[in-house]
Protein backbone atom coordinates (compact mmCIF):
# COMPACT_ATOMS: atom_id res chain seq x y z
CA MET A 1 -46.19 -29.58 38.97
CA ASP A 2 -43.62 -31.64 37.14
CA PRO A 3 -40.12 -31.16 38.72
CA HIS A 4 -38.70 -30.75 35.21
CA ILE A 5 -40.79 -27.60 34.78
CA TYR A 6 -39.30 -26.17 37.99
CA PHE A 7 -35.84 -27.03 36.66
CA ILE A 8 -36.47 -25.26 33.34
CA ILE A 9 -37.95 -22.19 35.06
CA GLY A 10 -34.99 -22.09 37.45
CA GLY A 11 -32.54 -22.38 34.57
CA VAL A 12 -34.15 -19.51 32.65
CA ALA A 13 -34.20 -17.37 35.79
CA PHE A 14 -30.52 -18.10 36.41
CA ILE A 15 -29.59 -17.09 32.85
CA LEU A 16 -31.54 -13.84 33.21
CA PHE A 17 -29.79 -13.22 36.52
CA LEU A 18 -26.38 -13.72 34.86
CA LEU A 19 -27.25 -11.33 32.03
CA ILE A 20 -28.38 -8.67 34.48
CA ALA A 21 -25.35 -9.21 36.70
CA LEU A 22 -22.97 -8.96 33.75
CA ASP A 23 -24.63 -5.79 32.56
CA LEU A 24 -24.46 -4.25 36.04
CA THR A 25 -20.80 -5.26 36.34
CA ARG A 26 -20.11 -3.57 33.03
CA LEU A 27 -21.77 -0.41 34.29
CA ILE A 28 -19.81 -0.44 37.52
CA ARG A 29 -16.50 -0.88 35.70
CA LYS A 30 -17.02 2.16 33.52
CA LYS A 31 -14.81 5.05 34.53
CA ALA A 32 -16.33 7.61 32.19
CA GLY A 33 -19.93 6.49 31.72
CA ASP A 34 -21.30 5.22 28.42
CA TRP A 35 -18.85 7.34 26.45
CA GLN A 36 -15.93 5.20 27.60
CA GLU A 37 -17.61 2.05 26.33
CA LEU A 38 -18.30 3.59 22.93
CA VAL A 39 -14.70 4.80 22.66
CA SER A 40 -13.48 1.32 23.63
CA GLU A 41 -15.58 -0.25 20.86
CA GLU A 42 -14.15 2.19 18.34
CA ASP A 43 -10.59 1.54 19.56
CA SER A 44 -10.89 -2.14 18.71
CA GLU A 45 -12.65 -1.57 15.38
CA THR A 46 -11.21 -3.59 12.51
CA ASP A 47 -14.37 -4.00 10.48
CA PRO A 48 -13.67 -3.51 6.76
CA LEU A 49 -17.05 -1.84 6.33
CA MET A 50 -15.75 1.06 8.38
CA GLU A 51 -13.58 2.29 5.53
CA VAL A 52 -14.55 3.78 2.20
CA GLY A 53 -12.03 1.46 0.53
CA ASN A 54 -11.62 0.61 -3.14
CA VAL A 55 -12.98 3.95 -4.33
CA SER A 56 -11.65 6.79 -6.41
CA GLY A 57 -10.30 10.08 -5.12
CA ALA A 58 -12.01 13.45 -4.93
CA GLU A 59 -14.13 14.44 -7.87
CA PRO A 60 -12.82 17.26 -10.06
CA GLY A 61 -13.96 20.58 -8.68
CA GLU A 62 -15.02 19.12 -5.35
CA GLU A 63 -14.31 21.48 -2.50
CA ALA A 64 -11.56 20.13 -0.25
CA GLU A 65 -12.11 20.28 3.50
CA ARG A 66 -8.58 20.95 4.61
CA PRO A 67 -7.64 22.06 8.07
CA LYS A 68 -4.48 23.38 6.47
CA VAL A 69 -3.96 24.08 2.76
CA ARG A 70 -0.73 22.59 1.39
CA GLY A 71 -0.87 23.05 -2.37
CA GLU A 72 0.00 20.37 -4.90
CA ILE A 73 1.83 17.26 -3.75
CA SER A 74 5.15 16.53 -5.43
CA LYS A 75 7.35 13.44 -5.12
CA LEU A 76 10.11 13.42 -2.51
CA ASP A 77 13.53 12.26 -3.60
CA LEU A 78 14.05 9.64 -0.89
CA PRO A 79 16.77 6.97 -1.13
CA ARG A 80 15.72 3.34 -1.42
CA ALA A 81 19.04 1.90 -0.22
CA ALA A 82 18.62 -1.60 1.18
CA GLU A 83 20.68 -0.90 4.32
CA ILE A 84 18.22 1.75 5.58
CA PHE A 85 16.08 0.38 8.40
CA ASP A 86 12.50 1.62 7.98
CA HIS A 87 9.32 1.12 9.98
CA ILE A 88 5.80 1.36 8.52
CA LEU A 89 2.72 2.01 10.67
CA THR A 90 -0.59 1.73 8.84
CA HIS A 91 -4.29 0.99 9.30
CA THR A 92 -6.02 -2.38 8.92
CA ASP A 93 -8.57 -1.44 6.26
CA TRP A 94 -8.41 -1.44 2.45
CA ASP A 95 -6.72 1.94 2.26
CA GLY A 96 -4.26 1.08 5.03
CA ILE A 97 -3.35 -2.23 3.42
CA ILE A 98 -2.65 -0.69 0.01
CA SER A 99 -0.82 2.27 1.61
CA GLY A 100 1.33 -0.17 3.56
CA ALA A 101 1.99 -2.26 0.44
CA LEU A 102 3.09 0.84 -1.49
CA LEU A 103 5.56 1.76 1.26
CA LYS A 104 6.76 -1.85 1.67
CA HIS A 105 7.31 -2.05 -2.09
CA PHE A 106 9.31 1.19 -1.88
CA SER A 107 11.33 -0.10 1.11
CA PRO A 108 11.32 -3.94 0.94
CA LEU A 109 13.28 -4.42 4.21
CA ALA A 110 10.95 -2.19 6.25
CA LYS A 111 9.15 -3.65 9.23
CA VAL A 112 5.36 -3.32 8.95
CA GLU A 113 3.06 -2.67 11.90
CA VAL A 114 -0.70 -2.25 11.71
CA THR A 115 -2.96 -0.58 14.22
CA SER A 116 -6.58 0.34 14.85
CA ALA A 117 -7.63 3.92 14.37
CA ARG A 118 -6.97 4.81 18.00
CA GLY A 119 -4.00 2.54 18.63
CA VAL A 120 -1.54 5.14 17.33
CA PRO A 121 -0.38 6.50 20.73
CA PHE A 122 0.36 2.99 22.00
CA ALA A 123 2.29 2.06 18.85
CA LEU A 124 4.34 5.28 18.95
CA ARG A 125 5.09 5.02 22.67
CA SER A 126 6.26 1.44 22.20
CA LEU A 127 8.50 2.45 19.31
CA ALA A 128 9.89 5.42 21.26
CA LYS A 129 10.87 3.12 24.15
CA ASN A 130 12.48 0.56 21.86
CA PRO A 131 16.30 0.98 21.82
CA ASP A 132 16.42 -0.38 18.26
CA LYS A 133 14.78 2.57 16.54
CA PRO A 134 14.33 2.85 12.75
CA HIS A 135 16.07 5.42 10.57
CA ARG A 136 12.74 6.34 8.97
CA LEU A 137 9.18 5.94 10.23
CA PHE A 138 6.32 6.06 7.72
CA ILE A 139 2.82 6.52 9.17
CA THR A 140 -0.23 6.40 6.94
CA ASP A 141 -4.06 6.27 7.03
CA VAL A 142 -4.22 7.00 10.77
CA GLY A 143 -4.52 10.38 12.44
CA ILE A 144 -4.20 12.08 15.80
CA ALA A 145 -7.24 12.11 18.07
CA SER A 146 -7.25 15.33 20.10
CA GLU A 147 -7.47 13.46 23.40
CA SER A 148 -4.28 11.52 22.51
CA LEU A 149 -2.28 14.54 21.39
CA ALA A 150 -0.15 14.85 24.54
CA ASP A 151 0.92 11.19 24.49
CA ILE A 152 1.65 11.27 20.77
CA GLU A 153 3.65 14.49 21.07
CA ASP A 154 5.86 12.97 23.78
CA ALA A 155 6.54 9.92 21.59
CA LEU A 156 7.25 12.05 18.50
CA ILE A 157 9.70 14.22 20.44
CA GLU A 158 11.54 11.14 21.72
CA LEU A 159 11.70 9.61 18.24
CA GLN A 160 12.86 12.84 16.60
CA LYS A 161 15.56 13.39 19.22
CA SER A 162 16.78 9.84 18.56
CA GLY A 163 17.34 10.70 14.92
CA VAL A 164 14.22 9.06 13.49
CA LYS A 165 12.86 10.83 10.41
CA ILE A 166 9.06 10.70 10.51
CA TYR A 167 6.90 10.83 7.36
CA TRP A 168 3.16 11.02 8.14
CA TYR A 169 0.43 10.93 5.47
CA ASP A 170 -3.31 10.93 6.20
CA HIS A 171 -6.63 11.93 4.68
CA HIS A 172 -8.69 12.13 7.89
CA PRO A 173 -9.49 15.60 9.24
CA TRP A 174 -7.12 16.73 12.02
CA SER A 175 -7.40 19.73 14.28
CA ASN A 176 -5.04 22.61 13.48
CA LEU A 177 -3.40 22.10 16.88
CA SER A 178 -2.65 18.45 16.04
CA ILE A 179 -1.15 19.42 12.69
CA ASP A 180 1.01 22.18 14.18
CA THR A 181 2.17 19.84 16.95
CA ALA A 182 3.11 16.96 14.62
CA GLU A 183 4.81 19.25 12.10
CA ARG A 184 7.46 20.23 14.64
CA ASP A 185 8.80 16.67 14.82
CA CYS A 186 7.95 15.22 11.40
CA ALA A 187 10.35 15.41 8.48
CA ASP A 188 7.28 15.47 6.24
CA LEU A 189 3.59 15.73 7.13
CA ILE A 190 0.62 15.84 4.76
CA VAL A 191 -2.93 15.84 6.12
CA ASP A 192 -5.39 16.45 3.30
CA PRO A 193 -9.06 15.35 3.49
CA LYS A 194 -9.41 16.23 -0.19
CA PHE A 195 -8.22 12.68 -0.83
CA ARG A 196 -10.61 9.83 -0.19
CA ASN A 197 -7.68 7.53 0.56
CA ALA A 198 -4.25 7.96 2.09
CA ALA A 199 -2.69 5.66 -0.51
CA ASP A 200 -3.05 8.38 -3.12
CA ILE A 201 -0.93 10.70 -0.96
CA VAL A 202 1.71 7.98 -0.48
CA PHE A 203 1.69 7.32 -4.23
CA LYS A 204 2.21 10.97 -5.14
CA ARG A 205 4.72 11.72 -2.37
CA ILE A 206 6.83 8.55 -2.06
CA THR A 207 6.59 6.07 -4.90
CA GLY A 208 5.74 8.32 -7.81
CA ASP A 209 4.40 6.92 -11.04
CA GLU A 210 6.29 3.64 -10.76
CA PRO A 211 4.60 0.84 -12.78
CA TYR A 212 3.74 -1.58 -9.95
CA ALA A 213 2.75 1.25 -7.58
CA ALA A 214 0.45 2.62 -10.28
CA GLN A 215 -1.04 -0.85 -10.69
CA LEU A 216 -1.77 -1.04 -6.94
CA MET A 217 -3.53 2.31 -7.15
CA ARG A 218 -5.67 1.02 -10.02
CA LEU A 219 -6.56 -1.95 -7.82
CA LEU A 220 -7.60 0.35 -4.98
CA ASN A 221 -9.57 2.66 -7.27
CA ASN A 222 -11.25 -0.23 -9.11
CA ARG A 223 -9.82 0.94 -12.44
CA LEU A 224 -7.72 -2.02 -13.57
CA GLU A 225 -6.70 -2.55 -17.17
CA PRO A 226 -8.38 -5.54 -18.89
CA GLU A 227 -5.18 -7.62 -18.71
CA GLU A 228 -4.95 -6.92 -14.94
CA GLU A 229 -8.45 -8.09 -14.06
CA ALA A 230 -7.56 -11.67 -13.08
CA TRP A 231 -4.58 -10.49 -11.01
CA GLY A 232 -6.68 -7.81 -9.31
CA ARG A 233 -9.59 -10.15 -8.60
CA ASN A 234 -7.32 -12.57 -6.73
CA TRP A 235 -5.75 -9.85 -4.59
CA ARG A 236 -9.10 -8.20 -3.93
CA LEU A 237 -10.66 -11.47 -2.76
CA LEU A 238 -7.61 -12.32 -0.64
CA ILE A 239 -7.78 -8.91 1.05
CA LEU A 240 -11.49 -9.39 1.77
CA ALA A 241 -10.91 -12.93 3.05
CA THR A 242 -8.15 -11.74 5.39
CA GLN A 243 -10.34 -8.92 6.68
CA SER A 244 -13.30 -11.25 7.29
CA ALA A 245 -11.37 -12.83 10.18
CA PRO A 246 -9.17 -9.90 11.22
CA SER A 247 -5.77 -10.69 12.68
CA PHE A 248 -3.04 -8.07 12.79
CA GLY A 249 -0.42 -10.74 12.00
CA ASP A 250 -2.34 -11.98 8.95
CA ILE A 251 -2.79 -8.41 7.67
CA ILE A 252 0.95 -7.72 8.05
CA ASP A 253 1.75 -10.90 6.09
CA LEU A 254 -0.76 -9.88 3.43
CA ILE A 255 0.83 -6.43 3.02
CA ALA A 256 4.23 -8.06 2.49
CA LYS A 257 2.76 -10.44 -0.11
CA ILE A 258 1.07 -7.64 -2.05
CA ALA A 259 4.16 -5.42 -1.89
CA ALA A 260 6.31 -8.15 -3.46
CA ASP A 261 3.52 -9.44 -5.74
CA ARG A 262 4.26 -12.94 -4.48
CA ALA A 263 2.82 -16.08 -6.01
CA LEU A 264 -0.34 -17.27 -4.26
CA SER A 265 0.01 -20.19 -1.87
CA VAL A 266 -2.40 -23.13 -1.65
CA ALA A 267 -3.90 -21.54 1.49
CA ASP A 268 -4.31 -18.23 -0.36
CA LYS A 269 -6.13 -19.94 -3.21
CA PHE A 270 -8.46 -21.68 -0.76
CA LYS A 271 -9.32 -18.33 0.89
CA ILE A 272 -9.92 -16.76 -2.52
CA LYS A 273 -12.25 -19.60 -3.57
CA ARG A 274 -14.23 -19.36 -0.33
CA MET A 275 -14.55 -15.58 -0.56
CA ALA A 276 -15.67 -15.80 -4.21
CA GLU A 277 -18.50 -18.10 -3.09
CA GLU A 278 -19.45 -15.75 -0.28
CA GLU A 279 -19.48 -12.78 -2.64
CA ILE A 280 -22.13 -14.48 -4.76
CA VAL A 281 -24.37 -14.91 -1.70
CA TYR A 282 -23.92 -11.34 -0.57
CA ASN A 283 -24.33 -9.97 -4.09
CA GLN A 284 -27.73 -11.66 -4.22
CA PHE A 285 -28.52 -10.26 -0.80
CA ALA A 286 -27.51 -6.74 -1.87
CA GLU A 287 -29.73 -6.98 -4.95
CA GLY A 288 -32.73 -8.02 -2.84
CA LYS A 289 -35.34 -5.80 -1.23
CA HIS A 290 -34.32 -3.64 1.73
CA ARG A 291 -36.17 -1.22 3.95
CA GLU A 292 -36.51 2.19 2.28
CA GLU A 293 -36.81 5.50 4.14
CA VAL A 294 -36.89 9.16 3.09
CA THR A 295 -35.58 12.19 5.00
CA GLN A 296 -37.55 15.41 5.33
CA SER A 297 -35.42 16.99 2.57
CA GLY A 298 -36.25 14.12 0.21
CA MET A 299 -33.08 12.02 0.42
CA LYS A 300 -33.71 8.32 -0.11
CA PHE A 301 -31.84 5.90 2.13
CA LEU A 302 -31.84 2.17 2.85
CA VAL A 303 -31.61 0.24 6.10
CA VAL A 304 -29.72 -3.03 5.48
CA ASP A 305 -29.79 -5.61 8.28
CA LEU A 306 -26.57 -7.68 8.41
CA ARG A 307 -26.66 -8.78 12.04
CA VAL A 308 -26.93 -12.53 12.64
CA PHE A 309 -27.38 -15.94 11.14
CA ARG A 310 -30.99 -16.45 10.17
CA GLU A 311 -33.27 -18.49 7.95
CA GLU A 312 -36.29 -17.05 6.18
CA TYR A 313 -39.18 -19.21 4.92
CA ASP A 314 -42.01 -18.52 2.49
CA ALA A 315 -45.73 -19.05 3.20
CA SER A 316 -45.50 -22.74 2.25
CA GLY A 317 -42.66 -23.36 4.68
CA GLN A 318 -39.91 -23.59 2.07
CA LEU A 319 -36.51 -22.09 2.89
CA LYS A 320 -36.09 -18.84 0.97
CA ARG A 321 -32.80 -17.41 2.22
CA LYS A 322 -30.09 -18.30 4.69
CA PHE A 323 -27.56 -15.84 6.07
CA ALA A 324 -24.51 -16.77 8.12
CA ARG A 325 -22.90 -14.64 10.83
CA HIS A 326 -19.54 -13.43 9.54
CA ASN A 327 -18.15 -10.23 8.09
CA PRO A 328 -19.62 -9.56 4.66
CA PRO A 329 -17.18 -8.45 1.96
CA ALA A 330 -16.73 -4.69 1.61
CA SER A 331 -17.99 -4.99 -1.96
CA ILE A 332 -21.54 -5.41 -0.65
CA GLY A 333 -21.71 -1.64 -0.27
CA TYR A 334 -20.95 -1.07 -3.95
CA ASP A 335 -23.52 -3.68 -4.92
CA ILE A 336 -26.17 -1.98 -2.79
CA VAL A 337 -25.50 1.35 -4.51
CA LYS A 338 -25.35 -0.28 -7.95
CA TYR A 339 -28.71 -1.99 -7.60
CA HIS A 340 -30.71 0.56 -5.57
CA HIS A 341 -29.07 4.00 -6.12
CA PRO A 342 -29.77 5.40 -2.64
CA ASP A 343 -28.52 8.81 -1.52
CA PHE A 344 -27.05 6.96 1.45
CA TYR A 345 -27.54 3.71 3.33
CA ILE A 346 -27.19 2.28 6.83
CA MET A 347 -25.84 -1.22 7.43
CA VAL A 348 -26.77 -2.70 10.81
CA LEU A 349 -23.76 -4.88 11.73
CA LYS A 350 -24.64 -5.44 15.39
CA ASN A 351 -27.44 -4.20 17.63
CA GLY A 352 -25.47 -1.10 18.57
CA ARG A 353 -22.96 -0.98 15.71
CA LEU A 354 -23.89 0.56 12.37
CA SER A 355 -22.07 1.68 9.24
CA ILE A 356 -23.45 4.70 7.36
CA ARG A 357 -22.25 5.42 3.83
CA GLY A 358 -22.92 7.84 1.01
CA GLY A 359 -24.60 6.74 -2.21
CA THR A 360 -24.46 7.78 -5.84
CA GLU A 361 -24.90 11.54 -6.16
CA ARG A 362 -22.94 12.64 -3.08
CA ARG A 363 -25.95 14.46 -1.67
CA PHE A 364 -25.18 12.96 1.73
CA LYS A 365 -22.05 13.61 3.79
CA VAL A 366 -21.35 12.20 7.24
CA ASP A 367 -20.22 15.68 8.29
CA ALA A 368 -23.89 16.66 8.55
CA ILE A 369 -24.39 14.35 11.54
CA LYS A 370 -20.92 14.27 13.15
CA GLY A 371 -22.17 16.69 15.81
CA LEU A 372 -24.73 14.11 16.94
CA LYS A 373 -23.56 13.02 20.41
CA SER A 374 -26.71 11.51 21.91
CA ILE A 375 -30.15 10.31 20.92
CA LYS A 376 -32.99 10.58 23.44
CA GLY A 377 -30.43 11.02 26.20
CA LYS A 378 -28.34 7.97 25.25
CA PRO A 379 -24.78 8.65 24.05
CA CYS A 380 -23.79 7.76 20.51
CA ARG A 381 -20.47 8.11 18.69
CA ILE A 382 -19.89 8.69 14.97
CA SER A 383 -16.39 8.27 13.58
CA GLY A 384 -14.98 7.91 10.09
CA HIS A 385 -14.84 9.79 6.81
CA SER A 386 -16.99 12.30 4.99
CA TYR A 387 -18.72 9.54 3.00
CA ALA A 388 -18.44 6.55 5.33
CA ALA A 389 -18.45 6.23 9.10
CA GLY A 390 -19.05 3.86 11.96
CA VAL A 391 -21.93 4.60 14.33
CA TYR A 392 -21.80 3.30 17.90
CA LEU A 393 -25.08 3.37 19.84
CA THR A 394 -25.76 2.75 23.52
CA VAL A 395 -28.16 -0.19 23.58
CA SER A 396 -30.11 -0.91 26.76
CA LEU A 397 -30.29 -4.27 28.50
CA ALA A 398 -34.00 -4.42 27.70
CA SER A 399 -33.24 -4.18 23.98
CA LYS A 400 -30.59 -6.89 24.26
CA LEU A 401 -32.97 -9.26 26.04
CA LYS A 402 -35.79 -8.52 23.60
CA TYR A 403 -33.49 -9.43 20.70
CA ILE A 404 -33.25 -13.00 21.97
CA PHE A 405 -36.89 -13.48 21.03
CA ASN A 406 -37.43 -10.77 18.41
CA TRP A 407 -35.17 -10.00 15.44
CA ALA A 408 -36.63 -6.53 14.94
CA LEU A 409 -34.18 -3.64 15.11
CA PRO A 410 -33.53 -2.35 18.65
CA GLN A 411 -35.44 0.78 19.62
CA GLU A 412 -32.15 2.67 19.79
CA VAL A 413 -31.54 1.95 16.10
CA GLU A 414 -35.08 3.05 15.25
CA ASP A 415 -34.50 6.26 17.21
CA PHE A 416 -31.29 6.88 15.23
CA ILE A 417 -33.16 6.38 11.95
CA GLU A 418 -35.87 8.83 13.01
CA GLU A 419 -33.18 11.34 14.05
CA LEU A 420 -31.64 11.14 10.57
CA LYS A 421 -35.02 11.63 8.89
CA THR A 422 -35.55 14.78 10.94
CA ARG A 423 -32.05 16.24 10.62
CA LEU A 424 -31.40 15.61 6.92
């Protein structure tokens, strides 16, 4: 046999050995089984598709799911004196960016810090240990995970004892224990899942109906006035472009730019132009045909594959479509709903990473499947909002290896789809 054949066979075998060894090493390193890996993936989540983003608030008459009823929100009479040192802690998604911009506009000298959904305890501990503490700390669009409550409580106590006034506003569901714990050390705390974004709480409680703050809310809710359309399009595209290659530093800079309504730089205009071109591609993709499924109760949903770069050819060998591997703009979700009107849809972002989102008539709510902890014995994790959430699946090594040669969805994803069809 040709020695080159032996070399190729040996090379393939070595690659397979490395893949198996890496997977075994990953298993050995786990301290809490597959759950720890899924939590770790969620901790580092910065994907813009995780968030509802750019949507309106609760519909009139919609029942609010509040762990604690607070009544109507009225504006606080807080000073905006320039000498006050403030600190803003916010999330990295659409809602977090606009919430941060509202607060930065209210307090222009405030320092902005962004965090992932589960990075809150680390950010608060770091701030509590810092001798140069702020006078006021604004936290928005991030909540308290029950498992982090003890660490967060320690940091809040230290900050409160140091004279820091803490203002915390969120629309994610919290446990009653977390609310009661945080209330003891916060000067003001509002946790209200009635709102589909935290920015609306910040707007009502801190900025009030100030002209530029109101304009930012119209941007978030996609309700701009005709004369604001060009302005809003540029900021929307710049936000999407910044999120497509997430960097905490870039997001912080972006929040400061939006808060001050700064003129766009040459680099900003280049990002906007590139994102506008990408939106056209993904708009066409959203309008195209996608896999349709129906649950046992009759809800229609789509499965949209957004995983990797690929080329698709027609029967004559001509290139039909070409998709590149990068984060699609968040607007793709709205386009999918606009063109297909599903009750909900699933976007497959990676083999084990999905995004599930409600459609037009609000028949579907993520709450219906939040109790789903495993599928066919394999752990899964669902985290997010009532109408949009990230889904983290445990994908086997066999599925990963199969994907090298076959672009079909992993069996674990198919099992999740079947579980939804049965449950809903």
